[in-house]
Amino acid sequence: MKKCELLAPAGNLYKLKIAVKYGADAIYIGGEAFSLRVAADNFTKEEMIEGIEYAHAHGCKVYITANIIARNYDLPQMKEYFKEIYEMGADAVIISDLGAFMLCREVAPDLEIHVSTQANNTNYETVKAWYNLGAKRVVLAREMSIREVKEIRDNIPEDCELEAFVHGAMCISYSGRCLLSNYMTNRDSNRGACAHPCRWNYALMEEKRQGEYFPVYENERGTFIMNSKDLCMIDHIKELCEAGVYSFKIEGRVKSEYYVATVIGAYRRAIDDYLAGKEYNPEHFEEICKVSHRDYYTGFFFGMPKEGAQVFGSNSYIRDWDIVGLVCEYDEETHIAKVLQRNRFFKGDEIEVMRPMDTSFTQKVEVLMDEDKNDIDVANHAAATIYMKLDCPAPPDSMIRIKKA
């Protein structure tokens, strides 16, 4: 079986390191310009250099996003930017704009280019055209079915890689090219500033009845008429690989490090099981249900989504688990862990400890101490340093979570 790539999001340097530790093969990040996620912390030049060096030291690649729809005034700065990220040692740049693509080829001809999903890549002639211009990889539109992906794979050069989003938030507009945010809030989603109006609650107003708002109902389920479920393909690694997807992309540069660790860890195990010829383990799906998420579905991969693909009653997330601590140090002799607390928990609580590239374990909290090693009954202060006994070894960046009552 051909090896595939697990591609993780990272909104800042710490999340990049978490993605590496939890099993990513590659990571995509954004700098302070030209990235489609202004809500993410994003990377300074110095942080990019450090992140690339860290990833490479652990056998992981780094791709830089520069996938805005560029305007004239962007081009001079983009020209310098492409030179800089090539000199930093980035493994590839992700671009959607044809002019930016050609500019990159001119000023950094040896920098690998991946064509963003924003370019609406939906057929094999488009993919071949990008390949002939010099693209190494094309990121498919999110509106593609498994059958269409396979047709593309069968009609393009063998060394042209295909990447597809397999997990995360979906957009109401075609591959994210949305004008709603720009029109309603003057925040341009095509330049990274989307206000997510597809998640808002809408009502109907008749032209001559100003101020009289009528709820919009679909089958009496609510008013969030454009609020999509989240994509999840962890149960379908086999089908994606057989269709010709090489890179499995996880959405979420503005999500937490807990999200990155949990989702990347689960997909890592699912992919490794497939490559080893093992049967699919449903525990992988159970694992990704432990992060904050909307209801899951399979997007367009198995046909056009029906009304069940939308969440009409609410725009809130399902959140059944909380992260309560992050392991900083672990003493093998005493089994005492130094922990940075995130949320409140009590002695006697049952916790689950998630470890990088290892199985999780559950236990009850029996020994709990404050930063001065005094016994306490409750860890009550966010960002406090505490100490606790763990039944199994837990290396730094292990995460402690608890099921909400």
Foldseek 3Di string as FASTA:
>chain_A
DDAFFEEFEALFLVLLVLLLLQFGQEYEFEACFQAQAVLRNGDYLVSLLVSQVVQVVSNHAYEYENAFADDPVCPVVLLVVLVSVVVSPHQAYEYAYPVSVVSSCVRPVPHAYEYALNNAAQAQVVLQVVVVVPHQEYEHKLQYALVSLLRNCVRHDVRYAYAYEAWWADFLDTSQCDCVQCVPPVQHSSGNRRPPPLQDFDWDDDPVRPPDTHHDDDVNQAGSQRAFFIGHCLVPPVSNVVSRHRYHYYDDNNDDSVLSSQLSNLSSVSSVCVVVVHDGDCVSVVSNLQAWGGDYDHRPHHHHDDSVRHRHRHSGTDHFKDWFWFFAAADPPQQKTKIFTAAKDFQQAKKWKAARPDDIDIDGFHFKAFPVRHGDGMDHDHRGIIMTHDPDDHHGGIIMMHGDD
